[in-house]
Amino acid sequence: MFLASDWTDYEVLDCGGGEKLERWQNVILRRPDPQAIWPARNKELWKSADAHYHRSEKGGGSWEFMRTLPERWTVSYRDLTFYVRPTGFKHTGLFPEQAANWDWMRSRIESRVREGRSVEVLNLFGYTGGATMACARAGARVTHVDAAKGMVQWARENKTVCQLPEESTRWIVDDAKKFVEREIRRGHFYDAVLMDPPSYGRGPSGEVWRLEDELYDLVRVCSEVLTEDPLFFLINGYTTGFQASVLANMIDLTVKEKHGGIILADELCLPVTAGGVLPCGTSGRWQNDK
């Protein structure tokens, strides 16, 4: 498994019964988690929640606050800092399990930068920019793409709180595949590509995205925007039924077929303080073997 075990500002205190209890700095949140189908281990811990997200039978849900929380606050991972807040869709603006991928990408980038070489990274479905900040901090220049203008703005604010230089990032509000196709036509290629595609979504012009229909073709196109000596390729998957081997097969037929290298695909997990681990999704990683 890819285990994100080095957090200090975040921890999963307990999970079970379809929920997880998390500490974000000094705020305790209780949120739904469909993976946690076992009983909770420490029922007393759950009384400490500062806010509880309740699902609605009609879809969506709402927060119940046990105390007044700040509109937003920051959490840090190593030398990175991010704004988080409870949103209306239960999310907080950060997926802590991705820290396992941040560390992996940083190590690859830092190794190349030490050789005196530049690194350009393309982050598709970039959300609030956790991976963008990690790659930029390692010394890469990152092009951050997301169809949601609000998420790009949140990512910009994270760049500011991380105190990263303006020239480290380029911000694009666009459909991921269309942007990549234009980059190929322009002859602009990248040393690394990562993506975190949703199960379902709409682009800025109303384009419909369904993962099972679109993902392979997107991966194929993205494999064509890589340089001749690429560094890494990463696909994150949060859709039920998409196993790690699905991602590995797609990478094998596209990136590895052209560039060789090594594929690693596994579950993304977080340690649980009360015991065990919480599975949070899957990642398919490709890296060159040099």
Protein backbone atom coordinates (compact mmCIF):
# COMPACT_ATOMS: atom_id res chain seq x y z
CA MET A 1 0.00 0.00 0.00
CA PHE A 2 0.97 3.67 -0.37
CA LEU A 3 0.67 4.86 3.24
CA ALA A 4 0.62 8.57 4.14
CA SER A 5 2.01 8.16 7.65
CA ASP A 6 4.07 11.33 8.23
CA TRP A 7 1.38 13.88 9.06
CA THR A 8 1.49 15.87 12.31
CA ASP A 9 -1.36 18.36 11.65
CA TYR A 10 -3.76 15.65 10.51
CA GLU A 11 -4.79 12.21 11.74
CA VAL A 12 -7.63 9.73 11.41
CA LEU A 13 -8.56 9.21 15.04
CA ASP A 14 -11.02 6.39 14.37
CA CYS A 15 -13.29 5.09 11.63
CA GLY A 16 -16.20 2.70 11.32
CA GLY A 17 -19.91 2.51 10.73
CA GLY A 18 -19.50 4.31 7.41
CA GLU A 19 -17.77 7.34 8.95
CA LYS A 20 -14.34 8.66 9.91
CA LEU A 21 -13.27 10.90 12.77
CA GLU A 22 -10.39 13.21 11.82
CA ARG A 23 -8.22 15.83 13.47
CA TRP A 24 -7.36 18.77 11.23
CA GLN A 25 -4.87 20.77 13.32
CA ASN A 26 -7.04 21.39 16.44
CA VAL A 27 -10.44 20.82 14.76
CA ILE A 28 -12.18 17.41 14.95
CA LEU A 29 -14.46 16.57 12.03
CA ARG A 30 -16.80 13.60 11.62
CA ARG A 31 -17.49 12.75 7.98
CA PRO A 32 -19.02 9.91 5.94
CA ASP A 33 -16.66 7.30 4.50
CA PRO A 34 -18.20 4.40 2.55
CA GLN A 35 -15.04 2.28 2.90
CA ALA A 36 -15.30 2.11 6.72
CA ILE A 37 -17.88 -0.68 6.92
CA TRP A 38 -16.51 -2.19 10.16
CA PRO A 39 -17.48 -1.04 13.71
CA ALA A 40 -15.68 1.92 15.25
CA ARG A 41 -12.97 0.91 17.74
CA ASN A 42 -13.26 3.71 20.33
CA LYS A 43 -16.76 5.12 20.71
CA GLU A 44 -15.68 7.63 23.36
CA LEU A 45 -13.46 9.42 20.84
CA TRP A 46 -16.44 10.33 18.69
CA LYS A 47 -17.85 12.59 21.39
CA SER A 48 -15.00 15.01 20.70
CA ALA A 49 -16.27 15.99 17.22
CA ASP A 50 -16.51 19.73 16.60
CA ALA A 51 -18.62 19.24 13.46
CA HIS A 52 -20.53 16.33 11.93
CA TYR A 53 -21.53 16.01 8.28
CA HIS A 54 -24.93 14.31 7.91
CA ARG A 55 -25.93 12.80 4.61
CA SER A 56 -29.42 13.56 3.31
CA GLU A 57 -31.71 10.84 1.99
CA LYS A 58 -32.34 13.14 -0.98
CA GLY A 59 -28.62 13.39 -1.77
CA GLY A 60 -25.92 15.71 -0.50
CA GLY A 61 -26.05 16.67 3.14
CA SER A 62 -25.18 19.37 5.66
CA TRP A 63 -22.88 20.12 8.58
CA GLU A 64 -23.91 20.16 12.23
CA PHE A 65 -21.52 22.32 14.27
CA MET A 66 -20.93 21.57 17.94
CA ARG A 67 -18.87 24.77 18.32
CA THR A 68 -18.15 27.81 16.22
CA LEU A 69 -15.30 27.11 13.81
CA PRO A 70 -13.20 29.60 11.85
CA GLU A 71 -14.28 30.11 8.26
CA ARG A 72 -11.03 28.42 7.27
CA TRP A 73 -7.74 27.49 8.88
CA THR A 74 -4.40 26.00 7.84
CA VAL A 75 -2.76 22.61 8.15
CA SER A 76 0.85 21.86 7.29
CA TYR A 77 2.66 18.85 5.88
CA ARG A 78 6.42 19.05 6.03
CA ASP A 79 7.22 22.47 4.46
CA LEU A 80 3.79 22.88 2.81
CA THR A 81 0.77 24.71 4.21
CA PHE A 82 -2.84 24.54 2.99
CA TYR A 83 -6.13 26.22 3.72
CA VAL A 84 -8.96 23.86 4.71
CA ARG A 85 -12.62 24.39 5.54
CA PRO A 86 -15.81 22.28 5.74
CA THR A 87 -17.56 22.60 2.37
CA GLY A 88 -21.16 21.84 1.49
CA PHE A 89 -20.06 18.64 -0.26
CA LYS A 90 -18.47 17.18 2.94
CA HIS A 91 -14.92 17.79 1.63
CA THR A 92 -12.35 20.07 3.24
CA GLY A 93 -10.25 21.04 0.20
CA LEU A 94 -7.48 18.53 0.87
CA PHE A 95 -7.01 14.77 0.53
CA PRO A 96 -4.35 13.90 3.16
CA GLU A 97 -3.69 10.42 1.75
CA GLN A 98 -2.14 12.14 -1.29
CA ALA A 99 0.87 13.03 0.86
CA ALA A 100 2.26 9.59 -0.07
CA ASN A 101 2.25 10.71 -3.71
CA TRP A 102 3.60 14.17 -2.89
CA ASP A 103 6.67 12.60 -1.29
CA TRP A 104 7.19 10.25 -4.24
CA MET A 105 6.92 13.04 -6.81
CA ARG A 106 9.17 15.35 -4.83
CA SER A 107 11.91 12.74 -4.62
CA ARG A 108 11.81 12.24 -8.40
CA ILE A 109 11.85 15.98 -9.13
CA GLU A 110 14.55 16.82 -6.59
CA SER A 111 16.80 14.13 -8.03
CA ARG A 112 16.59 15.64 -11.50
CA VAL A 113 16.93 19.23 -10.26
CA ARG A 114 20.14 18.24 -8.46
CA GLU A 115 21.47 17.23 -11.88
CA GLY A 116 20.94 20.81 -13.01
CA ARG A 117 17.96 19.95 -15.20
CA SER A 118 14.62 21.75 -15.33
CA VAL A 119 11.34 19.91 -14.73
CA GLU A 120 7.92 20.84 -16.14
CA VAL A 121 4.90 19.16 -14.54
CA LEU A 122 1.30 19.09 -15.78
CA ASN A 123 -1.32 18.66 -13.04
CA LEU A 124 -4.76 17.86 -14.47
CA PHE A 125 -7.94 18.12 -12.35
CA GLY A 126 -5.63 20.00 -9.99
CA TYR A 127 -8.32 20.85 -7.40
CA THR A 128 -6.90 23.06 -4.62
CA GLY A 129 -3.32 22.32 -5.57
CA GLY A 130 -1.84 19.94 -3.01
CA ALA A 131 0.23 18.18 -5.67
CA THR A 132 0.98 21.48 -7.41
CA MET A 133 2.51 22.89 -4.22
CA ALA A 134 4.53 19.72 -3.59
CA CYS A 135 5.99 19.68 -7.10
CA ALA A 136 6.69 23.42 -7.10
CA ARG A 137 8.42 23.21 -3.72
CA ALA A 138 10.67 20.48 -5.15
CA GLY A 139 11.79 22.86 -7.89
CA ALA A 140 9.45 22.08 -10.80
CA ARG A 141 7.46 24.56 -12.85
CA VAL A 142 3.85 23.39 -12.69
CA THR A 143 0.92 23.97 -15.02
CA HIS A 144 -2.21 23.55 -12.90
CA VAL A 145 -5.43 22.78 -14.81
CA ASP A 146 -8.97 22.55 -13.42
CA ALA A 147 -12.37 23.24 -14.96
CA ALA A 148 -13.64 24.90 -11.75
CA LYS A 149 -12.57 28.53 -11.41
CA GLY A 150 -13.22 28.48 -7.66
CA MET A 151 -10.85 25.57 -7.14
CA VAL A 152 -8.12 27.31 -9.10
CA GLN A 153 -8.57 30.38 -6.90
CA TRP A 154 -8.27 28.21 -3.78
CA ALA A 155 -5.07 26.71 -5.21
CA ARG A 156 -3.70 30.21 -5.81
CA GLU A 157 -4.35 31.04 -2.17
CA ASN A 158 -2.52 27.88 -1.13
CA LYS A 159 0.45 28.96 -3.25
CA THR A 160 0.49 32.28 -1.40
CA VAL A 161 0.35 30.70 2.07
CA CYS A 162 3.13 28.29 0.98
CA GLN A 163 5.17 31.37 -0.06
CA LEU A 164 6.03 29.90 -3.44
CA PRO A 165 7.29 32.25 -6.17
CA GLU A 166 4.74 33.41 -8.75
CA GLU A 167 6.74 31.97 -11.65
CA SER A 168 6.58 28.46 -10.15
CA THR A 169 3.01 27.90 -11.36
CA ARG A 170 0.77 28.54 -14.34
CA TRP A 171 -3.00 28.53 -13.74
CA ILE A 172 -5.44 27.25 -16.38
CA VAL A 173 -9.26 27.01 -16.15
CA ASP A 174 -10.11 24.55 -18.92
CA ASP A 175 -11.24 21.07 -19.90
CA ALA A 176 -8.30 18.73 -19.23
CA LYS A 177 -8.28 16.76 -22.47
CA LYS A 178 -8.85 19.78 -24.73
CA PHE A 179 -6.01 21.62 -23.03
CA VAL A 180 -3.63 18.68 -23.49
CA GLU A 181 -4.56 18.37 -27.16
CA ARG A 182 -3.79 22.06 -27.69
CA GLU A 183 -0.45 21.71 -25.89
CA ILE A 184 0.52 18.87 -28.24
CA ARG A 185 -0.38 20.98 -31.28
CA ARG A 186 1.67 23.86 -29.84
CA GLY A 187 4.64 21.55 -29.31
CA HIS A 188 4.66 22.12 -25.53
CA PHE A 189 5.65 18.92 -23.75
CA TYR A 190 6.04 17.97 -20.08
CA ASP A 191 8.49 15.91 -18.07
CA ALA A 192 5.73 14.62 -15.79
CA VAL A 193 1.94 14.36 -15.85
CA LEU A 194 -0.43 13.66 -12.97
CA MET A 195 -4.20 13.50 -12.91
CA ASP A 196 -6.98 13.09 -10.36
CA PRO A 197 -10.07 12.61 -12.54
CA PRO A 198 -13.58 12.60 -11.02
CA SER A 199 -16.12 9.85 -11.55
CA TYR A 200 -18.49 12.34 -13.13
CA GLY A 201 -18.30 16.02 -13.90
CA ARG A 202 -18.86 18.86 -16.32
CA GLY A 203 -16.32 21.08 -18.03
CA PRO A 204 -16.47 24.90 -18.12
CA SER A 205 -18.66 24.77 -21.27
CA GLY A 206 -20.95 22.02 -19.97
CA GLU A 207 -18.93 19.08 -21.32
CA VAL A 208 -20.00 15.82 -19.63
CA TRP A 209 -17.25 13.65 -18.15
CA ARG A 210 -17.86 9.98 -17.25
CA LEU A 211 -14.76 8.21 -16.02
CA GLU A 212 -15.50 4.80 -17.51
CA ASP A 213 -16.04 6.36 -20.94
CA GLU A 214 -13.25 8.92 -20.94
CA LEU A 215 -10.28 7.83 -18.85
CA TYR A 216 -8.36 5.57 -21.22
CA ASP A 217 -8.50 8.07 -24.07
CA LEU A 218 -7.34 10.84 -21.72
CA VAL A 219 -4.42 8.72 -20.54
CA ARG A 220 -3.51 7.95 -24.15
CA VAL A 221 -3.52 11.62 -25.10
CA CYS A 222 -1.55 12.58 -22.00
CA SER A 223 1.10 9.99 -22.83
CA GLU A 224 1.67 11.96 -26.05
CA VAL A 225 2.37 15.23 -24.21
CA LEU A 226 5.37 13.73 -22.39
CA THR A 227 8.92 14.68 -23.36
CA GLU A 228 11.28 12.07 -24.81
CA ASP A 229 12.85 11.60 -21.37
CA PRO A 230 9.89 11.75 -18.97
CA LEU A 231 10.21 11.57 -15.21
CA PHE A 232 6.89 10.22 -13.95
CA PHE A 233 3.21 9.70 -14.74
CA LEU A 234 0.54 9.40 -12.04
CA ILE A 235 -3.17 8.54 -12.11
CA ASN A 236 -5.29 8.75 -8.95
CA GLY A 237 -8.56 6.85 -8.74
CA TYR A 238 -11.38 7.34 -6.25
CA THR A 239 -14.17 5.63 -8.19
CA THR A 240 -15.63 2.47 -6.67
CA GLY A 241 -14.76 -0.51 -8.86
CA PHE A 242 -11.62 1.00 -10.38
CA GLN A 243 -8.90 -1.19 -8.91
CA ALA A 244 -5.21 -0.34 -8.95
CA SER A 245 -4.65 -2.91 -11.72
CA VAL A 246 -7.05 -0.96 -13.98
CA LEU A 247 -4.80 2.07 -13.71
CA ALA A 248 -1.69 -0.07 -14.18
CA ASN A 249 -3.10 -1.60 -17.38
CA MET A 250 -3.85 1.82 -18.85
CA ILE A 251 -0.35 3.07 -18.09
CA ASP A 252 1.18 -0.12 -19.47
CA LEU A 253 -0.61 0.28 -22.82
CA THR A 254 0.34 3.93 -23.20
CA VAL A 255 3.29 5.35 -21.28
CA LYS A 256 5.28 2.17 -20.65
CA GLU A 257 4.80 0.93 -24.21
CA LYS A 258 6.65 4.01 -25.48
CA HIS A 259 9.08 4.80 -22.67
CA GLY A 260 9.69 1.53 -20.81
CA GLY A 261 10.16 2.19 -17.11
CA ILE A 262 8.47 0.83 -14.00
CA ILE A 263 4.80 0.72 -12.97
CA LEU A 264 3.67 0.60 -9.34
CA ALA A 265 -0.06 0.52 -8.55
CA ASP A 266 -1.64 0.11 -5.13
CA GLU A 267 -4.11 1.40 -2.57
CA LEU A 268 -3.69 4.82 -0.97
CA CYS A 269 -4.18 4.49 2.78
CA LEU A 270 -4.07 6.48 6.00
CA PRO A 271 -3.08 5.08 9.40
CA VAL A 272 -5.82 5.11 12.04
CA THR A 273 -4.81 6.08 15.56
CA ALA A 274 -7.37 3.73 17.13
CA GLY A 275 -5.96 0.88 15.02
CA GLY A 276 -5.73 -0.35 11.45
CA VAL A 277 -5.61 1.63 8.23
CA LEU A 278 -8.26 3.40 6.17
CA PRO A 279 -8.22 2.74 2.39
CA CYS A 280 -8.81 5.99 0.53
CA GLY A 281 -8.43 5.25 -3.18
CA THR A 282 -5.86 3.93 -5.63
CA SER A 283 -2.86 5.26 -7.49
CA GLY A 284 -1.08 4.07 -10.60
CA ARG A 285 2.51 5.34 -10.78
CA TRP A 286 4.95 5.14 -13.65
CA GLN A 287 8.58 6.22 -13.38
CA ASN A 288 11.58 5.95 -15.63
CA ASP A 289 14.12 3.31 -14.62
CA LYS A 290 17.18 5.55 -14.91
